[in-house]
């Protein structure tokens, strides 16, 4: 009976260790070939995509981004090699964000 309890306990520990090893911290790079989405600005030459908080990605097929130079876009792409090189599958142009400011000196803000 004691051996069964010990074996059961060890089996549970091994299962927990296996599931913890399979988790990632969200900082890992996408796998090669698996499609993923990334948002950023297309460079002026159309050869790379510059995310807001990351390193630029070189685009393997820059013809897909033609006409979107300097625009904010969201692309669905595949990682084609380990050298920060992506193959763009689809492009969606994002609406520019408008920033509003208020002037407290305007009569609408006075009481």
PDB file of N, CA and C in Angstrom:
ATOM      1  N   UNK A   1       0.822  -1.195   0.000  1.00  0.00           N
ATOM      2  CA  UNK A   1       0.000   0.000   0.000  1.00  0.00           C
ATOM      3  C   UNK A   1       0.869   1.264   0.000  1.00  0.00           C
ATOM      4  N   UNK A   2       1.915   1.264   0.814  1.00  0.00           N
ATOM      5  CA  UNK A   2       2.812   2.419   0.884  1.00  0.00           C
ATOM      6  C   UNK A   2       3.532   2.619  -0.444  1.00  0.00           C
ATOM      7  N   UNK A   3       3.915   1.543  -1.094  1.00  0.00           N
ATOM      8  CA  UNK A   3       4.581   1.650  -2.390  1.00  0.00           C
ATOM      9  C   UNK A   3       3.668   2.287  -3.427  1.00  0.00           C
ATOM     10  N   UNK A   4       2.390   1.965  -3.380  1.00  0.00           N
ATOM     11  CA  UNK A   4       1.435   2.546  -4.321  1.00  0.00           C
ATOM     12  C   UNK A   4       1.288   4.051  -4.107  1.00  0.00           C
ATOM     13  N   UNK A   5       1.257   4.467  -2.879  1.00  0.00           N
ATOM     14  CA  UNK A   5       1.133   5.891  -2.561  1.00  0.00           C
ATOM     15  C   UNK A   5       2.372   6.636  -3.034  1.00  0.00           C
ATOM     16  N   UNK A   6       3.536   6.079  -2.798  1.00  0.00           N
ATOM     17  CA  UNK A   6       4.782   6.721  -3.218  1.00  0.00           C
ATOM     18  C   UNK A   6       4.852   6.790  -4.741  1.00  0.00           C
ATOM     19  N   UNK A   7       4.500   5.721  -5.429  1.00  0.00           N
ATOM     20  CA  UNK A   7       4.507   5.719  -6.885  1.00  0.00           C
ATOM     21  C   UNK A   7       3.504   6.712  -7.453  1.00  0.00           C
ATOM     22  N   UNK A   8       2.340   6.810  -6.831  1.00  0.00           N
ATOM     23  CA  UNK A   8       1.343   7.777  -7.281  1.00  0.00           C
ATOM     24  C   UNK A   8       1.849   9.204  -7.102  1.00  0.00           C
ATOM     25  N   UNK A   9       2.482   9.473  -5.981  1.00  0.00           N
ATOM     26  CA  UNK A   9       3.038  10.793  -5.712  1.00  0.00           C
ATOM     27  C   UNK A   9       4.119  11.135  -6.735  1.00  0.00           C
ATOM     28  N   UNK A  10       4.994  10.194  -7.025  1.00  0.00           N
ATOM     29  CA  UNK A  10       6.050  10.427  -8.015  1.00  0.00           C
ATOM     30  C   UNK A  10       5.469  10.648  -9.409  1.00  0.00           C
ATOM     31  N   UNK A  11       4.420   9.908  -9.752  1.00  0.00           N
ATOM     32  CA  UNK A  11       3.788  10.078 -11.057  1.00  0.00           C
ATOM     33  C   UNK A  11       3.187  11.478 -11.197  1.00  0.00           C
ATOM     34  N   UNK A  12       2.559  11.975 -10.137  1.00  0.00           N
ATOM     35  CA  UNK A  12       1.980  13.321 -10.166  1.00  0.00           C
ATOM     36  C   UNK A  12       3.088  14.358 -10.312  1.00  0.00           C
ATOM     37  N   UNK A  13       4.192  14.188  -9.603  1.00  0.00           N
ATOM     38  CA  UNK A  13       5.303  15.127  -9.718  1.00  0.00           C
ATOM     39  C   UNK A  13       5.864  15.147 -11.136  1.00  0.00           C
ATOM     40  N   UNK A  14       6.013  13.994 -11.745  1.00  0.00           N
ATOM     41  CA  UNK A  14       6.529  13.935 -13.116  1.00  0.00           C
ATOM     42  C   UNK A  14       5.570  14.591 -14.107  1.00  0.00           C
ATOM     43  N   UNK A  15       4.284  14.395 -13.915  1.00  0.00           N
ATOM     44  CA  UNK A  15       3.308  15.030 -14.801  1.00  0.00           C
ATOM     45  C   UNK A  15       3.344  16.550 -14.669  1.00  0.00           C
ATOM     46  N   UNK A  16       3.443  17.045 -13.451  1.00  0.00           N
ATOM     47  CA  UNK A  16       3.508  18.491 -13.235  1.00  0.00           C
ATOM     48  C   UNK A  16       4.772  19.078 -13.824  1.00  0.00           C
ATOM     49  N   UNK A  17       5.888  18.382 -13.678  1.00  0.00           N
ATOM     50  CA  UNK A  17       7.152  18.865 -14.240  1.00  0.00           C
ATOM     51  C   UNK A  17       7.088  18.888 -15.761  1.00  0.00           C
ATOM     52  N   UNK A  18       6.430  17.911 -16.359  1.00  0.00           N
ATOM     53  CA  UNK A  18       6.301  17.855 -17.817  1.00  0.00           C
ATOM     54  C   UNK A  18       5.446  18.979 -18.370  1.00  0.00           C
ATOM     55  N   UNK A  19       4.360  19.331 -17.688  1.00  0.00           N
ATOM     56  CA  UNK A  19       3.510  20.418 -18.169  1.00  0.00           C
ATOM     57  C   UNK A  19       4.188  21.769 -17.971  1.00  0.00           C
ATOM     58  N   UNK A  20       4.950  21.923 -16.912  1.00  0.00           N
ATOM     59  CA  UNK A  20       5.664  23.181 -16.691  1.00  0.00           C
ATOM     60  C   UNK A  20       6.751  23.372 -17.733  1.00  0.00           C
ATOM     61  N   UNK A  21       7.396  22.311 -18.164  1.00  0.00           N
ATOM     62  CA  UNK A  21       8.450  22.419 -19.166  1.00  0.00           C
ATOM     63  C   UNK A  21       7.879  22.786 -20.526  1.00  0.00           C
ATOM     64  N   UNK A  22       6.626  22.461 -20.797  1.00  0.00           N
ATOM     65  CA  UNK A  22       6.010  22.749 -22.082  1.00  0.00           C
ATOM     66  C   UNK A  22       5.509  24.172 -22.221  1.00  0.00           C
ATOM     67  N   UNK A  23       5.449  24.923 -21.139  1.00  0.00           N
ATOM     68  CA  UNK A  23       4.967  26.288 -21.193  1.00  0.00           C
ATOM     69  C   UNK A  23       6.100  27.212 -21.614  1.00  0.00           C
ATOM     70  N   UNK A  24       5.731  28.313 -22.320  1.00  0.00           N
ATOM     71  CA  UNK A  24       6.735  29.309 -22.647  1.00  0.00           C
ATOM     72  C   UNK A  24       6.369  30.612 -21.960  1.00  0.00           C
ATOM     73  N   UNK A  25       7.311  31.526 -21.933  1.00  0.00           N
ATOM     74  CA  UNK A  25       7.107  32.785 -21.217  1.00  0.00           C
ATOM     75  C   UNK A  25       6.565  33.885 -22.117  1.00  0.00           C
ATOM     76  N   UNK A  26       6.207  33.577 -23.351  1.00  0.00           N
ATOM     77  CA  UNK A  26       5.686  34.582 -24.256  1.00  0.00           C
ATOM     78  C   UNK A  26       6.769  35.368 -24.960  1.00  0.00           C
ATOM     79  N   UNK A  27       8.017  35.170 -24.615  1.00  0.00           N
ATOM     80  CA  UNK A  27       9.114  35.888 -25.233  1.00  0.00           C
ATOM     81  C   UNK A  27       9.782  35.077 -26.328  1.00  0.00           C
ATOM     82  N   UNK A  28       9.341  33.857 -26.519  1.00  0.00           N
ATOM     83  CA  UNK A  28       9.968  33.025 -27.529  1.00  0.00           C
ATOM     84  C   UNK A  28       9.554  33.500 -28.912  1.00  0.00           C
ATOM     85  N   UNK A  29      10.401  33.245 -29.889  1.00  0.00           N
ATOM     86  CA  UNK A  29      10.136  33.647 -31.257  1.00  0.00           C
ATOM     87  C   UNK A  29       9.169  32.669 -31.894  1.00  0.00           C
ATOM     88  N   UNK A  30       8.422  33.139 -32.883  1.00  0.00           N
ATOM     89  CA  UNK A  30       7.524  32.236 -33.581  1.00  0.00           C
ATOM     90  C   UNK A  30       8.319  31.145 -34.301  1.00  0.00           C
ATOM     91  N   UNK A  31       7.690  29.995 -34.448  1.00  0.00           N
ATOM     92  CA  UNK A  31       8.363  28.893 -35.135  1.00  0.00           C
ATOM     93  C   UNK A  31       8.378  29.134 -36.629  1.00  0.00           C
ATOM     94  N   UNK A  32       9.378  28.604 -37.286  1.00  0.00           N
ATOM     95  CA  UNK A  32       9.504  28.736 -38.731  1.00  0.00           C
ATOM     96  C   UNK A  32       8.328  28.044 -39.406  1.00  0.00           C
ATOM     97  N   UNK A  33       7.685  28.749 -40.318  1.00  0.00           N
ATOM     98  CA  UNK A  33       6.578  28.188 -41.072  1.00  0.00           C
ATOM     99  C   UNK A  33       5.212  28.395 -40.462  1.00  0.00           C
ATOM    100  N   UNK A  34       5.114  28.653 -39.170  1.00  0.00           N
ATOM    101  CA  UNK A  34       3.818  28.844 -38.530  1.00  0.00           C
ATOM    102  C   UNK A  34       3.388  30.305 -38.698  1.00  0.00           C
ATOM    103  N   UNK A  35       2.212  30.565 -39.300  1.00  0.00           N
ATOM    104  CA  UNK A  35       1.773  31.947 -39.499  1.00  0.00           C
ATOM    105  C   UNK A  35       1.511  32.670 -38.168  1.00  0.00           C
ATOM    106  N   UNK A  36       1.873  33.940 -38.136  1.00  0.00           N
ATOM    107  CA  UNK A  36       1.610  34.787 -36.983  1.00  0.00           C
ATOM    108  C   UNK A  36       1.346  36.204 -37.480  1.00  0.00           C
ATOM    109  N   UNK A  37       0.817  37.049 -36.607  1.00  0.00           N
ATOM    110  CA  UNK A  37       0.511  38.433 -36.971  1.00  0.00           C
ATOM    111  C   UNK A  37       1.420  39.378 -36.215  1.00  0.00           C
ATOM    112  N   UNK A  38       1.789  40.461 -36.874  1.00  0.00           N
ATOM    113  CA  UNK A  38       2.610  41.491 -36.245  1.00  0.00           C
ATOM    114  C   UNK A  38       2.174  42.846 -36.809  1.00  0.00           C
ATOM    115  N   UNK A  39       2.144  43.849 -35.938  1.00  0.00           N
ATOM    116  CA  UNK A  39       1.787  45.205 -36.348  1.00  0.00           C
ATOM    117  C   UNK A  39       3.030  46.077 -36.321  1.00  0.00           C
ATOM    118  N   UNK A  40       3.065  47.024 -37.219  1.00  0.00           N
ATOM    119  CA  UNK A  40       4.200  47.935 -37.251  1.00  0.00           C
ATOM    120  C   UNK A  40       4.097  48.886 -38.428  1.00  0.00           C
ATOM    121  N   UNK A  41       5.181  49.620 -38.640  1.00  0.00           N
ATOM    122  CA  UNK A  41       5.242  50.605 -39.723  1.00  0.00           C
ATOM    123  C   UNK A  41       6.132  50.054 -40.825  1.00  0.00           C
ATOM    124  N   UNK A  42       5.681  50.186 -42.059  1.00  0.00           N
ATOM    125  CA  UNK A  42       6.483  49.761 -43.205  1.00  0.00           C
ATOM    126  C   UNK A  42       7.569  50.812 -43.412  1.00  0.00           C
ATOM    127  N   UNK A  43       8.807  50.359 -43.605  1.00  0.00           N
ATOM    128  CA  UNK A  43       9.913  51.295 -43.809  1.00  0.00           C
ATOM    129  C   UNK A  43       9.703  52.088 -45.099  1.00  0.00           C
ATOM    130  N   UNK A  44      10.416  53.190 -45.236  1.00  0.00           N
ATOM    131  CA  UNK A  44      10.254  54.062 -46.397  1.00  0.00           C
ATOM    132  C   UNK A  44      10.651  53.372 -47.698  1.00  0.00           C
ATOM    133  N   UNK A  45      11.579  52.424 -47.632  1.00  0.00           N
ATOM    134  CA  UNK A  45      11.978  51.699 -48.838  1.00  0.00           C
ATOM    135  C   UNK A  45      11.126  50.450 -49.071  1.00  0.00           C
ATOM    136  N   UNK A  46      10.242  50.104 -48.134  1.00  0.00           N
ATOM    137  CA  UNK A  46       9.353  48.964 -48.279  1.00  0.00           C
ATOM    138  C   UNK A  46      10.027  47.617 -48.105  1.00  0.00           C
ATOM    139  N   UNK A  47      11.253  47.594 -47.605  1.00  0.00           N
ATOM    140  CA  UNK A  47      12.012  46.357 -47.466  1.00  0.00           C
ATOM    141  C   UNK A  47      11.910  45.738 -46.080  1.00  0.00           C
ATOM    142  N   UNK A  48      11.332  46.472 -45.106  1.00  0.00           N
ATOM    143  CA  UNK A  48      11.251  45.934 -43.749  1.00  0.00           C
ATOM    144  C   UNK A  48      10.004  46.445 -43.041  1.00  0.00           C
ATOM    145  N   UNK A  49       9.662  45.753 -41.961  1.00  0.00           N
ATOM    146  CA  UNK A  49       8.543  46.106 -41.109  1.00  0.00           C
ATOM    147  C   UNK A  49       9.107  46.429 -39.736  1.00  0.00           C
ATOM    148  N   UNK A  50       8.762  47.597 -39.202  1.00  0.00           N
ATOM    149  CA  UNK A  50       9.317  48.060 -37.931  1.00  0.00           C
ATOM    150  C   UNK A  50       8.225  48.046 -36.875  1.00  0.00           C
ATOM    151  N   UNK A  51       8.241  47.036 -35.971  1.00  0.00           N
ATOM    152  CA  UNK A  51       7.246  47.011 -34.891  1.00  0.00           C
ATOM    153  C   UNK A  51       7.480  48.156 -33.911  1.00  0.00           C
ATOM    154  N   UNK A  52       6.466  48.466 -33.128  1.00  0.00           N
ATOM    155  CA  UNK A  52       6.555  49.571 -32.177  1.00  0.00           C
ATOM    156  C   UNK A  52       7.620  49.303 -31.113  1.00  0.00           C
ATOM    157  N   UNK A  53       7.680  48.090 -30.624  1.00  0.00           N
ATOM    158  CA  UNK A  53       8.597  47.787 -29.526  1.00  0.00           C
ATOM    159  C   UNK A  53       9.519  46.618 -29.868  1.00  0.00           C
ATOM    160  N   UNK A  54      10.189  46.679 -30.997  1.00  0.00           N
ATOM    161  CA  UNK A  54      11.062  45.574 -31.350  1.00  0.00           C
ATOM    162  C   UNK A  54      12.017  45.910 -32.468  1.00  0.00           C
ATOM    163  N   UNK A  55      12.787  44.920 -32.861  1.00  0.00           N
ATOM    164  CA  UNK A  55      13.740  45.072 -33.944  1.00  0.00           C
ATOM    165  C   UNK A  55      13.023  44.964 -35.281  1.00  0.00           C
ATOM    166  N   UNK A  56      13.548  45.642 -36.312  1.00  0.00           N
ATOM    167  CA  UNK A  56      12.918  45.543 -37.634  1.00  0.00           C
ATOM    168  C   UNK A  56      12.986  44.126 -38.206  1.00  0.00           C
ATOM    169  N   UNK A  57      11.962  43.764 -38.942  1.00  0.00           N
ATOM    170  CA  UNK A  57      11.908  42.474 -39.631  1.00  0.00           C
ATOM    171  C   UNK A  57      12.164  42.730 -41.106  1.00  0.00           C
ATOM    172  N   UNK A  58      13.113  42.027 -41.698  1.00  0.00           N
ATOM    173  CA  UNK A  58      13.330  42.097 -43.140  1.00  0.00           C
ATOM    174  C   UNK A  58      12.223  41.314 -43.820  1.00  0.00           C
ATOM    175  N   UNK A  59      11.752  41.843 -44.952  1.00  0.00           N
ATOM    176  CA  UNK A  59      10.653  41.197 -45.666  1.00  0.00           C
ATOM    177  C   UNK A  59      11.224  40.461 -46.873  1.00  0.00           C
ATOM    178  N   UNK A  60      10.948  39.167 -46.974  1.00  0.00           N
ATOM    179  CA  UNK A  60      11.468  38.342 -48.063  1.00  0.00           C
ATOM    180  C   UNK A  60      10.757  38.649 -49.375  1.00  0.00           C
ATOM    181  N   UNK A  61       9.508  39.079 -49.318  1.00  0.00           N
ATOM    182  CA  UNK A  61       8.736  39.410 -50.525  1.00  0.00           C
ATOM    183  C   UNK A  61       8.218  40.848 -50.415  1.00  0.00           C
ATOM    184  N   UNK A  62       9.098  41.864 -50.594  1.00  0.00           N
ATOM    185  CA  UNK A  62       8.698  43.258 -50.380  1.00  0.00           C
ATOM    186  C   UNK A  62       7.664  43.775 -51.379  1.00  0.00           C
ATOM    187  N   UNK A  63       7.434  43.081 -52.485  1.00  0.00           N
ATOM    188  CA  UNK A  63       6.430  43.517 -53.440  1.00  0.00           C
ATOM    189  C   UNK A  63       5.031  43.555 -52.849  1.00  0.00           C
ATOM    190  N   UNK A  64       4.777  42.724 -51.846  1.00  0.00           N
ATOM    191  CA  UNK A  64       3.465  42.700 -51.191  1.00  0.00           C
ATOM    192  C   UNK A  64       3.205  44.013 -50.452  1.00  0.00           C
ATOM    193  N   UNK A  65       4.257  44.653 -49.963  1.00  0.00           N
ATOM    194  CA  UNK A  65       4.111  45.902 -49.207  1.00  0.00           C
ATOM    195  C   UNK A  65       4.179  47.141 -50.096  1.00  0.00           C
ATOM    196  N   UNK A  66       4.297  46.965 -51.410  1.00  0.00           N
ATOM    197  CA  UNK A  66       4.392  48.108 -52.322  1.00  0.00           C
ATOM    198  C   UNK A  66       3.151  48.993 -52.179  1.00  0.00           C
ATOM    199  N   UNK A  67       3.369  50.273 -52.058  1.00  0.00           N
ATOM    200  CA  UNK A  67       2.280  51.230 -51.891  1.00  0.00           C
ATOM    201  C   UNK A  67       1.928  51.502 -50.442  1.00  0.00           C
ATOM    202  N   UNK A  68       2.507  50.761 -49.511  1.00  0.00           N
ATOM    203  CA  UNK A  68       2.212  50.948 -48.088  1.00  0.00           C
ATOM    204  C   UNK A  68       3.396  51.554 -47.334  1.00  0.00           C
ATOM    205  N   UNK A  69       4.379  52.098 -48.038  1.00  0.00           N
ATOM    206  CA  UNK A  69       5.565  52.660 -47.402  1.00  0.00           C
ATOM    207  C   UNK A  69       5.170  53.761 -46.413  1.00  0.00           C
ATOM    208  N   UNK A  70       5.679  53.656 -45.187  1.00  0.00           N
ATOM    209  CA  UNK A  70       5.411  54.643 -44.153  1.00  0.00           C
ATOM    210  C   UNK A  70       4.089  54.465 -43.423  1.00  0.00           C
ATOM    211  N   UNK A  71       3.260  53.523 -43.834  1.00  0.00           N
ATOM    212  CA  UNK A  71       1.958  53.308 -43.197  1.00  0.00           C
ATOM    213  C   UNK A  71       2.056  52.316 -42.042  1.00  0.00           C
ATOM    214  N   UNK A  72       1.123  52.465 -41.091  1.00  0.00           N
ATOM    215  CA  UNK A  72       0.970  51.484 -40.012  1.00  0.00           C
ATOM    216  C   UNK A  72       0.144  50.337 -40.566  1.00  0.00           C
ATOM    217  N   UNK A  73       0.653  49.116 -40.444  1.00  0.00           N
ATOM    218  CA  UNK A  73      -0.036  47.951 -40.984  1.00  0.00           C
ATOM    219  C   UNK A  73      -0.006  46.811 -39.988  1.00  0.00           C
ATOM    220  N   UNK A  74      -0.898  45.852 -40.227  1.00  0.00           N
ATOM    221  CA  UNK A  74      -0.875  44.585 -39.507  1.00  0.00           C
ATOM    222  C   UNK A  74      -0.728  43.520 -40.575  1.00  0.00           C
ATOM    223  N   UNK A  75       0.325  42.709 -40.459  1.00  0.00           N
ATOM    224  CA  UNK A  75       0.572  41.694 -41.474  1.00  0.00           C
ATOM    225  C   UNK A  75       0.472  40.308 -40.869  1.00  0.00           C
ATOM    226  N   UNK A  76      -0.033  39.389 -41.665  1.00  0.00           N
ATOM    227  CA  UNK A  76       0.014  37.976 -41.319  1.00  0.00           C
ATOM    228  C   UNK A  76       1.191  37.439 -42.102  1.00  0.00           C
ATOM    229  N   UNK A  77       2.108  36.766 -41.426  1.00  0.00           N
ATOM    230  CA  UNK A  77       3.339  36.371 -42.077  1.00  0.00           C
ATOM    231  C   UNK A  77       3.874  35.067 -41.511  1.00  0.00           C
ATOM    232  N   UNK A  78       4.919  34.569 -42.155  1.00  0.00           N
ATOM    233  CA  UNK A  78       5.613  33.371 -41.704  1.00  0.00           C
ATOM    234  C   UNK A  78       7.076  33.722 -41.530  1.00  0.00           C
ATOM    235  N   UNK A  79       7.677  33.162 -40.517  1.00  0.00           N
ATOM    236  CA  UNK A  79       9.107  33.323 -40.308  1.00  0.00           C
ATOM    237  C   UNK A  79       9.796  32.383 -41.279  1.00  0.00           C
ATOM    238  N   UNK A  80      10.611  32.948 -42.174  1.00  0.00           N
ATOM    239  CA  UNK A  80      11.208  32.106 -43.200  1.00  0.00           C
ATOM    240  C   UNK A  80      12.624  31.671 -42.849  1.00  0.00           C
ATOM    241  N   UNK A  81      13.246  32.308 -41.889  1.00  0.00           N
ATOM    242  CA  UNK A  81      14.565  31.872 -41.426  1.00  0.00           C
ATOM    243  C   UNK A  81      14.816  32.451 -40.045  1.00  0.00           C
ATOM    244  N   UNK A  82      15.889  32.058 -39.433  1.00  0.00           N
ATOM    245  CA  UNK A  82      16.209  32.524 -38.079  1.00  0.00           C
ATOM    246  C   UNK A  82      16.843  33.912 -38.082  1.00  0.00           C
ATOM    247  N   UNK A  83      16.966  34.546 -39.233  1.00  0.00           N
ATOM    248  CA  UNK A  83      17.665  35.833 -39.312  1.00  0.00           C
ATOM    249  C   UNK A  83      16.714  37.021 -39.389  1.00  0.00           C
ATOM    250  N   UNK A  84      15.608  36.981 -38.669  1.00  0.00           N
ATOM    251  CA  UNK A  84      14.618  38.076 -38.666  1.00  0.00           C
ATOM    252  C   UNK A  84      14.095  38.345 -40.069  1.00  0.00           C
ATOM    253  N   UNK A  85      13.767  37.329 -40.808  1.00  0.00           N
ATOM    254  CA  UNK A  85      13.295  37.432 -42.172  1.00  0.00           C
ATOM    255  C   UNK A  85      11.886  36.871 -42.225  1.00  0.00           C
ATOM    256  N   UNK A  86      10.909  37.652 -42.711  1.00  0.00           N
ATOM    257  CA  UNK A  86       9.530  37.180 -42.751  1.00  0.00           C
ATOM    258  C   UNK A  86       9.017  37.170 -44.184  1.00  0.00           C
ATOM    259  N   UNK A  87       8.065  36.288 -44.448  1.00  0.00           N
ATOM    260  CA  UNK A  87       7.356  36.239 -45.722  1.00  0.00           C
ATOM    261  C   UNK A  87       5.926  36.669 -45.435  1.00  0.00           C
ATOM    262  N   UNK A  88       5.530  37.810 -46.019  1.00  0.00           N
ATOM    263  CA  UNK A  88       4.216  38.403 -45.768  1.00  0.00           C
ATOM    264  C   UNK A  88       3.155  37.639 -46.556  1.00  0.00           C
ATOM    265  N   UNK A  89       2.083  37.228 -45.853  1.00  0.00           N
ATOM    266  CA  UNK A  89       0.967  36.525 -46.469  1.00  0.00           C
ATOM    267  C   UNK A  89      -0.190  37.472 -46.774  1.00  0.00           C
ATOM    268  N   UNK A  90      -0.471  38.417 -45.865  1.00  0.00           N
ATOM    269  CA  UNK A  90      -1.540  39.387 -46.091  1.00  0.00           C
ATOM    270  C   UNK A  90      -1.216  40.676 -45.346  1.00  0.00           C
ATOM    271  N   UNK A  91      -1.771  41.782 -45.839  1.00  0.00           N
ATOM    272  CA  UNK A  91      -1.517  43.114 -45.270  1.00  0.00           C
ATOM    273  C   UNK A  91      -2.854  43.788 -44.996  1.00  0.00           C
ATOM    274  N   UNK A  92      -2.965  44.389 -43.819  1.00  0.00           N
ATOM    275  CA  UNK A  92      -4.144  45.182 -43.468  1.00  0.00           C
ATOM    276  C   UNK A  92      -3.648  46.538 -42.987  1.00  0.00           C
ATOM    277  N   UNK A  93      -4.059  47.605 -43.653  1.00  0.00           N
ATOM    278  CA  UNK A  93      -3.651  48.953 -43.265  1.00  0.00           C
ATOM    279  C   UNK A  93      -4.464  49.374 -42.057  1.00  0.00           C
ATOM    280  N   UNK A  94      -3.770  49.847 -41.026  1.00  0.00           N
ATOM    281  CA  UNK A  94      -4.438  50.307 -39.812  1.00  0.00           C
ATOM    282  C   UNK A  94      -4.747  51.789 -39.929  1.00  0.00           C
ATOM    283  N   UNK A  95      -5.870  52.190 -39.375  1.00  0.00           N
ATOM    284  CA  UNK A  95      -6.247  53.602 -39.384  1.00  0.00           C
ATOM    285  C   UNK A  95      -5.271  54.389 -38.521  1.00  0.00           C
ATOM    286  N   UNK A  96      -4.872  55.565 -38.995  1.00  0.00           N
ATOM    287  CA  UNK A  96      -3.965  56.375 -38.167  1.00  0.00           C
ATOM    288  C   UNK A  96      -4.654  56.802 -36.878  1.00  0.00           C
ATOM    289  N   UNK A  97      -3.897  56.797 -35.806  1.00  0.00           N
ATOM    290  CA  UNK A  97      -4.461  57.194 -34.517  1.00  0.00           C
ATOM    291  C   UNK A  97      -4.436  58.709 -34.403  1.00  0.00           C
ATOM    292  N   UNK A  98      -5.586  59.261 -34.055  1.00  0.00           N
ATOM    293  CA  UNK A  98      -5.715  60.698 -33.905  1.00  0.00           C
ATOM    294  C   UNK A  98      -5.566  61.043 -32.433  1.00  0.00           C
ATOM    295  N   UNK A  99      -4.732  62.028 -32.148  1.00  0.00           N
ATOM    296  CA  UNK A  99      -4.557  62.477 -30.772  1.00  0.00           C
ATOM    297  C   UNK A  99      -5.308  63.791 -30.591  1.00  0.00           C
ATOM    298  N   UNK A 100      -6.123  63.822 -29.564  1.00  0.00           N
ATOM    299  CA  UNK A 100      -6.904  65.007 -29.257  1.00  0.00           C
ATOM    300  C   UNK A 100      -6.292  65.716 -28.059  1.00  0.00           C
ATOM    301  N   UNK A 101      -6.314  67.014 -28.110  1.00  0.00           N
ATOM    302  CA  UNK A 101      -5.832  67.803 -26.972  1.00  0.00           C
ATOM    303  C   UNK A 101      -6.940  68.776 -26.572  1.00  0.00           C
ATOM    304  N   UNK A 102      -6.938  69.114 -25.312  1.00  0.00           N
ATOM    305  CA  UNK A 102      -7.931  70.059 -24.798  1.00  0.00           C
ATOM    306  C   UNK A 102      -7.217  71.287 -24.273  1.00  0.00           C
ATOM    307  N   UNK A 103      -7.805  72.424 -24.507  1.00  0.00           N
ATOM    308  CA  UNK A 103      -7.274  73.681 -24.009  1.00  0.00           C
ATOM    309  C   UNK A 103      -8.196  74.149 -22.883  1.00  0.00           C
ATOM    310  N   UNK A 104      -7.720  74.034 -21.626  1.00  0.00           N
ATOM    311  CA  UNK A 104      -8.586  74.415 -20.509  1.00  0.00           C
ATOM    312  C   UNK A 104      -8.987  75.891 -20.508  1.00  0.00           C
ATOM    313  N   UNK A 105      -8.315  76.733 -21.306  1.00  0.00           N
ATOM    314  CA  UNK A 105      -8.651  78.151 -21.365  1.00  0.00           C
ATOM    315  C   UNK A 105      -9.859  78.450 -22.230  1.00  0.00           C
ATOM    316  N   UNK A 106     -10.343  77.482 -22.956  1.00  0.00           N
ATOM    317  CA  UNK A 106     -11.507  77.671 -23.828  1.00  0.00           C
ATOM    318  C   UNK A 106     -12.757  77.807 -22.970  1.00  0.00           C
ATOM    319  N   UNK A 107     -13.712  78.598 -23.418  1.00  0.00           N
ATOM    320  CA  UNK A 107     -14.892  78.879 -22.624  1.00  0.00           C
ATOM    321  C   UNK A 107     -15.720  77.640 -22.298  1.00  0.00           C
ATOM    322  N   UNK A 108     -15.609  76.594 -23.053  1.00  0.00           N
ATOM    323  CA  UNK A 108     -16.377  75.385 -22.773  1.00  0.00           C
ATOM    324  C   UNK A 108     -15.942  74.743 -21.451  1.00  0.00           C
ATOM    325  N   UNK A 109     -14.731  75.049 -20.991  1.00  0.00           N
ATOM    326  CA  UNK A 109     -14.240  74.470 -19.756  1.00  0.00           C
ATOM    327  C   UNK A 109     -14.423  75.380 -18.545  1.00  0.00           C
ATOM    328  N   UNK A 110     -14.919  76.568 -18.750  1.00  0.00           N
ATOM    329  CA  UNK A 110     -15.111  77.497 -17.633  1.00  0.00           C
ATOM    330  C   UNK A 110     -16.472  77.291 -17.010  1.00  0.00           C
ATOM    331  N   UNK A 111     -16.549  77.559 -15.723  1.00  0.00           N
ATOM    332  CA  UNK A 111     -17.851  77.488 -15.025  1.00  0.00           C
ATOM    333  C   UNK A 111     -18.247  78.812 -14.499  1.00  0.00           C
TER     334      UNK A 111
END
